[in-house]
Full PDB file with SEQRES, HELIX, SHEET, SSBOND, CRYST1, ORIGX, SCALE, CONECT and MASTER records, all heavy atoms in Angstrom:
SEQRES   1 A   33  GLN ALA PRO GLY LYS GLU ARG ASP PHE VAL ALA SER ILE          
SEQRES   2 A   33  SER ARG SER GLY GLY THR THR TYR TYR ALA ASP SER VAL          
SEQRES   3 A   33  LYS GLY ARG PHE THR ILE SER                                  
SHEET    1 AA1 2 ALA A  11  ILE A  13  0                                        
SHEET    2 AA1 2 THR A  20  TYR A  22 -1                                        
CRYST1    1.000    1.000    1.000  90.00  90.00  90.00 P 1           1          
ORIGX1      1.000000  0.000000  0.000000        0.00000                         
ORIGX2      0.000000  1.000000  0.000000        0.00000                         
ORIGX3      0.000000  0.000000  1.000000        0.00000                         
SCALE1      1.000000  0.000000  0.000000        0.00000                         
SCALE2      0.000000  1.000000  0.000000        0.00000                         
SCALE3      0.000000  0.000000  1.000000        0.00000                         
ATOM      1  N   GLN A   1      98.050  94.618 102.379  1.00  0.00           N  
ATOM      2  CA  GLN A   1      98.081  93.574 103.368  1.00  0.00           C  
ATOM      3  C   GLN A   1      99.182  92.592 103.093  1.00  0.00           C  
ATOM      4  O   GLN A   1      99.234  91.971 101.966  1.00  0.00           O  
ATOM      5  CB  GLN A   1      96.743  92.849 103.300  1.00  0.00           C  
ATOM      6  CG  GLN A   1      96.558  91.810 104.453  1.00  0.00           C  
ATOM      7  CD  GLN A   1      95.131  91.352 104.533  1.00  0.00           C  
ATOM      8  OE1 GLN A   1      94.311  91.460 103.605  1.00  0.00           O  
ATOM      9  NE2 GLN A   1      94.839  90.786 105.712  1.00  0.00           N  
ATOM     10  N   ALA A   2     100.110  92.471 103.944  1.00  0.00           N  
ATOM     11  CA  ALA A   2     101.220  91.508 103.839  1.00  0.00           C  
ATOM     12  C   ALA A   2     100.775  90.205 104.460  1.00  0.00           C  
ATOM     13  O   ALA A   2      99.816  90.111 105.281  1.00  0.00           O  
ATOM     14  CB  ALA A   2     102.456  92.068 104.582  1.00  0.00           C  
ATOM     15  N   PRO A   3     101.431  89.108 104.047  1.00  0.00           N  
ATOM     16  CA  PRO A   3     101.037  87.747 104.544  1.00  0.00           C  
ATOM     17  C   PRO A   3     101.072  87.769 106.085  1.00  0.00           C  
ATOM     18  O   PRO A   3     102.023  88.124 106.711  1.00  0.00           O  
ATOM     19  CB  PRO A   3     102.061  86.878 103.996  1.00  0.00           C  
ATOM     20  CG  PRO A   3     102.471  87.483 102.698  1.00  0.00           C  
ATOM     21  CD  PRO A   3     102.475  89.036 103.063  1.00  0.00           C  
ATOM     22  N   GLY A   4      99.992  87.256 106.680  1.00  0.00           N  
ATOM     23  CA  GLY A   4      99.892  87.118 108.133  1.00  0.00           C  
ATOM     24  C   GLY A   4      99.661  88.414 108.875  1.00  0.00           C  
ATOM     25  O   GLY A   4      99.639  88.351 110.101  1.00  0.00           O  
ATOM     26  N   LYS A   5      99.407  89.504 108.157  1.00  0.00           N  
ATOM     27  CA  LYS A   5      99.191  90.714 108.838  1.00  0.00           C  
ATOM     28  C   LYS A   5      97.845  91.319 108.506  1.00  0.00           C  
ATOM     29  O   LYS A   5      97.173  90.858 107.507  1.00  0.00           O  
ATOM     30  CB  LYS A   5     100.301  91.705 108.436  1.00  0.00           C  
ATOM     31  CG  LYS A   5     101.696  91.319 108.894  1.00  0.00           C  
ATOM     32  CD  LYS A   5     102.730  92.383 108.562  1.00  0.00           C  
ATOM     33  CE  LYS A   5     104.128  91.978 109.039  1.00  0.00           C  
ATOM     34  NZ  LYS A   5     105.111  93.029 108.749  1.00  0.00           N  
ATOM     35  N   GLU A   6      97.424  92.357 109.222  1.00  0.00           N  
ATOM     36  CA  GLU A   6      96.152  93.000 108.972  1.00  0.00           C  
ATOM     37  C   GLU A   6      96.217  93.930 107.811  1.00  0.00           C  
ATOM     38  O   GLU A   6      97.332  94.335 107.350  1.00  0.00           O  
ATOM     39  CB  GLU A   6      95.732  93.843 110.188  1.00  0.00           C  
ATOM     40  CG  GLU A   6      95.417  93.011 111.433  1.00  0.00           C  
ATOM     41  CD  GLU A   6      95.012  93.852 112.600  1.00  0.00           C  
ATOM     42  OE1 GLU A   6      95.165  95.126 112.535  1.00  0.00           O  
ATOM     43  OE2 GLU A   6      94.474  93.325 113.580  1.00  0.00           O  
ATOM     44  N   ARG A   7      95.105  94.303 107.211  1.00  0.00           N  
ATOM     45  CA  ARG A   7      95.054  95.250 106.108  1.00  0.00           C  
ATOM     46  C   ARG A   7      95.304  96.596 106.655  1.00  0.00           C  
ATOM     47  O   ARG A   7      94.634  97.098 107.517  1.00  0.00           O  
ATOM     48  CB  ARG A   7      93.739  95.159 105.442  1.00  0.00           C  
ATOM     49  CG  ARG A   7      93.590  95.920 104.109  1.00  0.00           C  
ATOM     50  CD  ARG A   7      92.356  95.584 103.348  1.00  0.00           C  
ATOM     51  NE  ARG A   7      92.395  94.201 102.935  1.00  0.00           N  
ATOM     52  CZ  ARG A   7      91.508  93.648 102.114  1.00  0.00           C  
ATOM     53  NH1 ARG A   7      90.509  94.391 101.664  1.00  0.00           N  
ATOM     54  NH2 ARG A   7      91.554  92.379 101.836  1.00  0.00           N  
ATOM     55  N   ASP A   8      96.309  97.293 106.147  1.00  0.00           N  
ATOM     56  CA  ASP A   8      96.734  98.621 106.650  1.00  0.00           C  
ATOM     57  C   ASP A   8      96.460  99.665 105.603  1.00  0.00           C  
ATOM     58  O   ASP A   8      96.542  99.482 104.402  1.00  0.00           O  
ATOM     59  CB  ASP A   8      98.282  98.572 106.925  1.00  0.00           C  
ATOM     60  CG  ASP A   8      98.610  97.735 108.124  1.00  0.00           C  
ATOM     61  OD1 ASP A   8      97.785  97.545 109.032  1.00  0.00           O  
ATOM     62  OD2 ASP A   8      99.781  97.164 108.217  1.00  0.00           O  
ATOM     63  N   PHE A   9      96.141 100.867 106.146  1.00  0.00           N  
ATOM     64  CA  PHE A   9      95.948 102.063 105.426  1.00  0.00           C  
ATOM     65  C   PHE A   9      97.270 102.499 104.687  1.00  0.00           C  
ATOM     66  O   PHE A   9      98.365 102.487 105.366  1.00  0.00           O  
ATOM     67  CB  PHE A   9      95.412 103.144 106.320  1.00  0.00           C  
ATOM     68  CG  PHE A   9      95.368 104.505 105.738  1.00  0.00           C  
ATOM     69  CD1 PHE A   9      94.364 104.857 104.835  1.00  0.00           C  
ATOM     70  CD2 PHE A   9      96.312 105.489 105.950  1.00  0.00           C  
ATOM     71  CE1 PHE A   9      94.237 106.074 104.250  1.00  0.00           C  
ATOM     72  CE2 PHE A   9      96.273 106.714 105.339  1.00  0.00           C  
ATOM     73  CZ  PHE A   9      95.201 107.018 104.514  1.00  0.00           C  
ATOM     74  N   VAL A  10      97.235 102.932 103.509  1.00  0.00           N  
ATOM     75  CA  VAL A  10      98.338 103.491 102.826  1.00  0.00           C  
ATOM     76  C   VAL A  10      98.097 104.938 102.479  1.00  0.00           C  
ATOM     77  O   VAL A  10      99.015 105.799 102.809  1.00  0.00           O  
ATOM     78  CB  VAL A  10      98.639 102.707 101.521  1.00  0.00           C  
ATOM     79  CG1 VAL A  10      99.773 103.360 100.713  1.00  0.00           C  
ATOM     80  CG2 VAL A  10      98.968 101.265 101.857  1.00  0.00           C  
ATOM     81  N   ALA A  11      97.040 105.306 101.783  1.00  0.00           N  
ATOM     82  CA  ALA A  11      96.822 106.661 101.414  1.00  0.00           C  
ATOM     83  C   ALA A  11      95.303 106.818 101.062  1.00  0.00           C  
ATOM     84  O   ALA A  11      94.622 105.893 100.726  1.00  0.00           O  
ATOM     85  CB  ALA A  11      97.682 107.042 100.167  1.00  0.00           C  
ATOM     86  N   SER A  12      94.872 108.135 101.110  1.00  0.00           N  
ATOM     87  CA  SER A  12      93.531 108.396 100.739  1.00  0.00           C  
ATOM     88  C   SER A  12      93.476 109.852 100.090  1.00  0.00           C  
ATOM     89  O   SER A  12      94.376 110.645 100.346  1.00  0.00           O  
ATOM     90  CB  SER A  12      92.546 108.313 101.893  1.00  0.00           C  
ATOM     91  OG  SER A  12      92.844 109.201 102.930  1.00  0.00           O  
ATOM     92  N   ILE A  13      92.468 110.083  99.351  1.00  0.00           N  
ATOM     93  CA  ILE A  13      92.252 111.374  98.693  1.00  0.00           C  
ATOM     94  C   ILE A  13      90.794 111.842  98.690  1.00  0.00           C  
ATOM     95  O   ILE A  13      89.904 110.962  98.494  1.00  0.00           O  
ATOM     96  CB  ILE A  13      92.791 111.278  97.202  1.00  0.00           C  
ATOM     97  CG1 ILE A  13      92.899 112.709  96.545  1.00  0.00           C  
ATOM     98  CG2 ILE A  13      92.059 110.230  96.363  1.00  0.00           C  
ATOM     99  CD1 ILE A  13      93.659 112.678  95.239  1.00  0.00           C  
ATOM    100  N   SER A  14      90.621 113.095  98.931  1.00  0.00           N  
ATOM    101  CA  SER A  14      89.237 113.615  99.001  1.00  0.00           C  
ATOM    102  C   SER A  14      88.492 113.674  97.648  1.00  0.00           C  
ATOM    103  O   SER A  14      89.185 113.554  96.611  1.00  0.00           O  
ATOM    104  CB  SER A  14      89.245 114.971  99.628  1.00  0.00           C  
ATOM    105  OG  SER A  14      89.926 115.949  98.774  1.00  0.00           O  
ATOM    106  N   ARG A  15      87.280 113.903  97.639  1.00  0.00           N  
ATOM    107  CA  ARG A  15      86.527 114.024  96.352  1.00  0.00           C  
ATOM    108  C   ARG A  15      87.001 115.063  95.482  1.00  0.00           C  
ATOM    109  O   ARG A  15      86.898 114.892  94.229  1.00  0.00           O  
ATOM    110  CB  ARG A  15      84.982 114.233  96.704  1.00  0.00           C  
ATOM    111  CG  ARG A  15      84.682 115.578  97.329  1.00  0.00           C  
ATOM    112  CD  ARG A  15      83.245 115.579  97.785  1.00  0.00           C  
ATOM    113  NE  ARG A  15      82.996 114.825  98.928  1.00  0.00           N  
ATOM    114  CZ  ARG A  15      81.783 114.602  99.451  1.00  0.00           C  
ATOM    115  NH1 ARG A  15      80.746 115.250  98.966  1.00  0.00           N  
ATOM    116  NH2 ARG A  15      81.598 113.845 100.543  1.00  0.00           N  
ATOM    117  N   SER A  16      87.524 116.154  95.974  1.00  0.00           N  
ATOM    118  CA  SER A  16      88.063 117.236  95.177  1.00  0.00           C  
ATOM    119  C   SER A  16      89.472 117.030  94.807  1.00  0.00           C  
ATOM    120  O   SER A  16      90.033 117.755  93.964  1.00  0.00           O  
ATOM    121  CB  SER A  16      87.916 118.592  95.918  1.00  0.00           C  
ATOM    122  OG  SER A  16      88.768 118.643  97.064  1.00  0.00           O  
ATOM    123  N   GLY A  17      90.178 116.134  95.458  1.00  0.00           N  
ATOM    124  CA  GLY A  17      91.586 115.946  95.277  1.00  0.00           C  
ATOM    125  C   GLY A  17      92.462 116.872  96.040  1.00  0.00           C  
ATOM    126  O   GLY A  17      93.698 116.805  96.067  1.00  0.00           O  
ATOM    127  N   GLY A  18      91.860 117.782  96.802  1.00  0.00           N  
ATOM    128  CA  GLY A  18      92.556 118.778  97.528  1.00  0.00           C  
ATOM    129  C   GLY A  18      93.091 118.376  98.897  1.00  0.00           C  
ATOM    130  O   GLY A  18      93.976 119.057  99.433  1.00  0.00           O  
ATOM    131  N   THR A  19      92.671 117.249  99.391  1.00  0.00           N  
ATOM    132  CA  THR A  19      93.130 116.699 100.663  1.00  0.00           C  
ATOM    133  C   THR A  19      93.606 115.315 100.472  1.00  0.00           C  
ATOM    134  O   THR A  19      92.921 114.482  99.901  1.00  0.00           O  
ATOM    135  CB  THR A  19      92.028 116.771 101.719  1.00  0.00           C  
ATOM    136  OG1 THR A  19      91.529 118.115 101.897  1.00  0.00           O  
ATOM    137  CG2 THR A  19      92.508 116.239 103.082  1.00  0.00           C  
ATOM    138  N   THR A  20      94.831 115.051 100.925  1.00  0.00           N  
ATOM    139  CA  THR A  20      95.365 113.681 100.961  1.00  0.00           C  
ATOM    140  C   THR A  20      95.952 113.306 102.281  1.00  0.00           C  
ATOM    141  O   THR A  20      96.337 114.185 103.075  1.00  0.00           O  
ATOM    142  CB  THR A  20      96.460 113.575  99.839  1.00  0.00           C  
ATOM    143  OG1 THR A  20      97.481 114.497 100.145  1.00  0.00           O  
ATOM    144  CG2 THR A  20      95.906 113.796  98.471  1.00  0.00           C  
ATOM    145  N   TYR A  21      95.938 111.984 102.543  1.00  0.00           N  
ATOM    146  CA  TYR A  21      96.490 111.491 103.759  1.00  0.00           C  
ATOM    147  C   TYR A  21      97.370 110.295 103.383  1.00  0.00           C  
ATOM    148  O   TYR A  21      97.101 109.519 102.477  1.00  0.00           O  
ATOM    149  CB  TYR A  21      95.368 110.996 104.730  1.00  0.00           C  
ATOM    150  CG  TYR A  21      94.560 112.149 105.279  1.00  0.00           C  
ATOM    151  CD1 TYR A  21      93.308 112.426 104.791  1.00  0.00           C  
ATOM    152  CD2 TYR A  21      95.090 112.975 106.334  1.00  0.00           C  
ATOM    153  CE1 TYR A  21      92.523 113.399 105.197  1.00  0.00           C  
ATOM    154  CE2 TYR A  21      94.251 113.929 106.793  1.00  0.00           C  
ATOM    155  CZ  TYR A  21      93.013 114.201 106.255  1.00  0.00           C  
ATOM    156  OH  TYR A  21      92.197 115.272 106.746  1.00  0.00           O  
ATOM    157  N   TYR A  22      98.440 110.156 104.145  1.00  0.00           N  
ATOM    158  CA  TYR A  22      99.390 109.040 103.980  1.00  0.00           C  
ATOM    159  C   TYR A  22      99.767 108.421 105.259  1.00  0.00           C  
ATOM    160  O   TYR A  22      99.934 109.078 106.304  1.00  0.00           O  
ATOM    161  CB  TYR A  22     100.609 109.578 103.294  1.00  0.00           C  
ATOM    162  CG  TYR A  22     100.421 110.103 101.857  1.00  0.00           C  
ATOM    163  CD1 TYR A  22     100.186 111.417 101.681  1.00  0.00           C  
ATOM    164  CD2 TYR A  22     100.434 109.223 100.741  1.00  0.00           C  
ATOM    165  CE1 TYR A  22      99.968 111.937 100.387  1.00  0.00           C  
ATOM    166  CE2 TYR A  22     100.232 109.705  99.513  1.00  0.00           C  
ATOM    167  CZ  TYR A  22     100.003 111.086  99.242  1.00  0.00           C  
ATOM    168  OH  TYR A  22      99.797 111.562  98.093  1.00  0.00           O  
ATOM    169  N   ALA A  23      99.981 107.147 105.236  1.00  0.00           N  
ATOM    170  CA  ALA A  23     100.637 106.465 106.371  1.00  0.00           C  
ATOM    171  C   ALA A  23     102.046 107.022 106.555  1.00  0.00           C  
ATOM    172  O   ALA A  23     102.680 107.307 105.496  1.00  0.00           O  
ATOM    173  CB  ALA A  23     100.630 104.927 106.184  1.00  0.00           C  
ATOM    174  N   ASP A  24     102.514 107.116 107.761  1.00  0.00           N  
ATOM    175  CA  ASP A  24     103.851 107.560 108.000  1.00  0.00           C  
ATOM    176  C   ASP A  24     104.923 106.777 107.288  1.00  0.00           C  
ATOM    177  O   ASP A  24     105.927 107.297 106.816  1.00  0.00           O  
ATOM    178  CB  ASP A  24     104.145 107.548 109.534  1.00  0.00           C  
ATOM    179  CG  ASP A  24     103.406 108.557 110.271  1.00  0.00           C  
ATOM    180  OD1 ASP A  24     102.895 109.542 109.653  1.00  0.00           O  
ATOM    181  OD2 ASP A  24     103.263 108.445 111.490  1.00  0.00           O  
ATOM    182  N   SER A  25     104.703 105.497 107.116  1.00  0.00           N  
ATOM    183  CA  SER A  25     105.665 104.643 106.480  1.00  0.00           C  
ATOM    184  C   SER A  25     105.845 104.940 105.005  1.00  0.00           C  
ATOM    185  O   SER A  25     106.869 104.462 104.383  1.00  0.00           O  
ATOM    186  CB  SER A  25     105.299 103.173 106.636  1.00  0.00           C  
ATOM    187  OG  SER A  25     103.993 102.923 106.084  1.00  0.00           O  
ATOM    188  N   VAL A  26     104.934 105.632 104.371  1.00  0.00           N  
ATOM    189  CA  VAL A  26     105.057 105.873 102.913  1.00  0.00           C  
ATOM    190  C   VAL A  26     105.181 107.347 102.533  1.00  0.00           C  
ATOM    191  O   VAL A  26     105.351 107.727 101.404  1.00  0.00           O  
ATOM    192  CB  VAL A  26     103.885 105.272 102.127  1.00  0.00           C  
ATOM    193  CG1 VAL A  26     103.746 103.816 102.477  1.00  0.00           C  
ATOM    194  CG2 VAL A  26     102.561 105.980 102.404  1.00  0.00           C  
ATOM    195  N   LYS A  27     105.091 108.249 103.544  1.00  0.00           N  
ATOM    196  CA  LYS A  27     105.143 109.689 103.290  1.00  0.00           C  
ATOM    197  C   LYS A  27     106.476 110.004 102.588  1.00  0.00           C  
ATOM    198  O   LYS A  27     107.533 109.611 103.012  1.00  0.00           O  
ATOM    199  CB  LYS A  27     105.046 110.447 104.591  1.00  0.00           C  
ATOM    200  CG  LYS A  27     103.600 110.527 105.177  1.00  0.00           C  
ATOM    201  CD  LYS A  27     103.554 111.391 106.408  1.00  0.00           C  
ATOM    202  CE  LYS A  27     102.137 111.412 106.974  1.00  0.00           C  
ATOM    203  NZ  LYS A  27     102.140 112.204 108.245  1.00  0.00           N  
ATOM    204  N   GLY A  28     106.357 110.857 101.541  1.00  0.00           N  
ATOM    205  CA  GLY A  28     107.553 111.259 100.793  1.00  0.00           C  
ATOM    206  C   GLY A  28     107.928 110.297  99.712  1.00  0.00           C  
ATOM    207  O   GLY A  28     108.814 110.597  98.943  1.00  0.00           O  
ATOM    208  N   ARG A  29     107.343 109.094  99.666  1.00  0.00           N  
ATOM    209  CA  ARG A  29     107.668 108.091  98.729  1.00  0.00           C  
ATOM    210  C   ARG A  29     106.486 107.763  97.813  1.00  0.00           C  
ATOM    211  O   ARG A  29     106.641 107.528  96.594  1.00  0.00           O  
ATOM    212  CB  ARG A  29     108.154 106.787  99.340  1.00  0.00           C  
ATOM    213  CG  ARG A  29     109.381 106.973 100.218  1.00  0.00           C  
ATOM    214  CD  ARG A  29     109.934 105.617 100.672  1.00  0.00           C  
ATOM    215  NE  ARG A  29     109.032 104.883 101.478  1.00  0.00           N  
ATOM    216  CZ  ARG A  29     108.529 103.668 101.212  1.00  0.00           C  
ATOM    217  NH1 ARG A  29     108.919 103.064 100.080  1.00  0.00           N  
ATOM    218  NH2 ARG A  29     107.735 103.096 102.035  1.00  0.00           N  
ATOM    219  N   PHE A  30     105.266 107.770  98.334  1.00  0.00           N  
ATOM    220  CA  PHE A  30     104.078 107.381  97.600  1.00  0.00           C  
ATOM    221  C   PHE A  30     103.243 108.632  97.374  1.00  0.00           C  
ATOM    222  O   PHE A  30     103.197 109.559  98.186  1.00  0.00           O  
ATOM    223  CB  PHE A  30     103.163 106.412  98.396  1.00  0.00           C  
ATOM    224  CG  PHE A  30     103.793 105.044  98.519  1.00  0.00           C  
ATOM    225  CD1 PHE A  30     105.048 104.772  98.176  1.00  0.00           C  
ATOM    226  CD2 PHE A  30     102.965 104.030  98.970  1.00  0.00           C  
ATOM    227  CE1 PHE A  30     105.608 103.455  98.253  1.00  0.00           C  
ATOM    228  CE2 PHE A  30     103.488 102.694  99.119  1.00  0.00           C  
ATOM    229  CZ  PHE A  30     104.797 102.430  98.752  1.00  0.00           C  
ATOM    230  N   THR A  31     102.490 108.692  96.196  1.00  0.00           N  
ATOM    231  CA  THR A  31     101.601 109.775  95.919  1.00  0.00           C  
ATOM    232  C   THR A  31     100.291 109.189  95.374  1.00  0.00           C  
ATOM    233  O   THR A  31     100.270 108.412  94.471  1.00  0.00           O  
ATOM    234  CB  THR A  31     102.192 110.708  94.868  1.00  0.00           C  
ATOM    235  OG1 THR A  31     103.422 111.255  95.371  1.00  0.00           O  
ATOM    236  CG2 THR A  31     101.243 111.831  94.579  1.00  0.00           C  
ATOM    237  N   ILE A  32      99.211 109.624  95.976  1.00  0.00           N  
ATOM    238  CA  ILE A  32      97.867 109.223  95.509  1.00  0.00           C  
ATOM    239  C   ILE A  32      97.304 110.360  94.624  1.00  0.00           C  
ATOM    240  O   ILE A  32      97.532 111.521  94.889  1.00  0.00           O  
ATOM    241  CB  ILE A  32      96.909 108.939  96.622  1.00  0.00           C  
ATOM    242  CG1 ILE A  32      95.583 108.342  96.125  1.00  0.00           C  
ATOM    243  CG2 ILE A  32      96.671 110.170  97.545  1.00  0.00           C  
ATOM    244  CD1 ILE A  32      94.696 107.810  97.257  1.00  0.00           C  
ATOM    245  N   SER A  33      96.657 109.970  93.558  1.00  0.00           N  
ATOM    246  CA  SER A  33      96.068 110.979  92.639  1.00  0.00           C  
ATOM    247  C   SER A  33      94.803 110.406  92.031  1.00  0.00           C  
ATOM    248  O   SER A  33      94.541 109.151  92.128  1.00  0.00           O  
ATOM    249  CB  SER A  33      97.011 111.420  91.565  1.00  0.00           C  
ATOM    250  OG  SER A  33      97.439 110.280  90.771  1.00  0.00           O  
TER     251      SER A  33                                                      
MASTER        0    0    0    0    2    0    0    6  250    1    0    3          
END                                                                             
């Protein structure tokens, strides 16, 4: 959440770790583990 903006999704990971999702703005740069 940036100042004055809504809280935005960045990344998520499944219970097994086998499925991950990323916001388009961070794909290729951020990794969730």
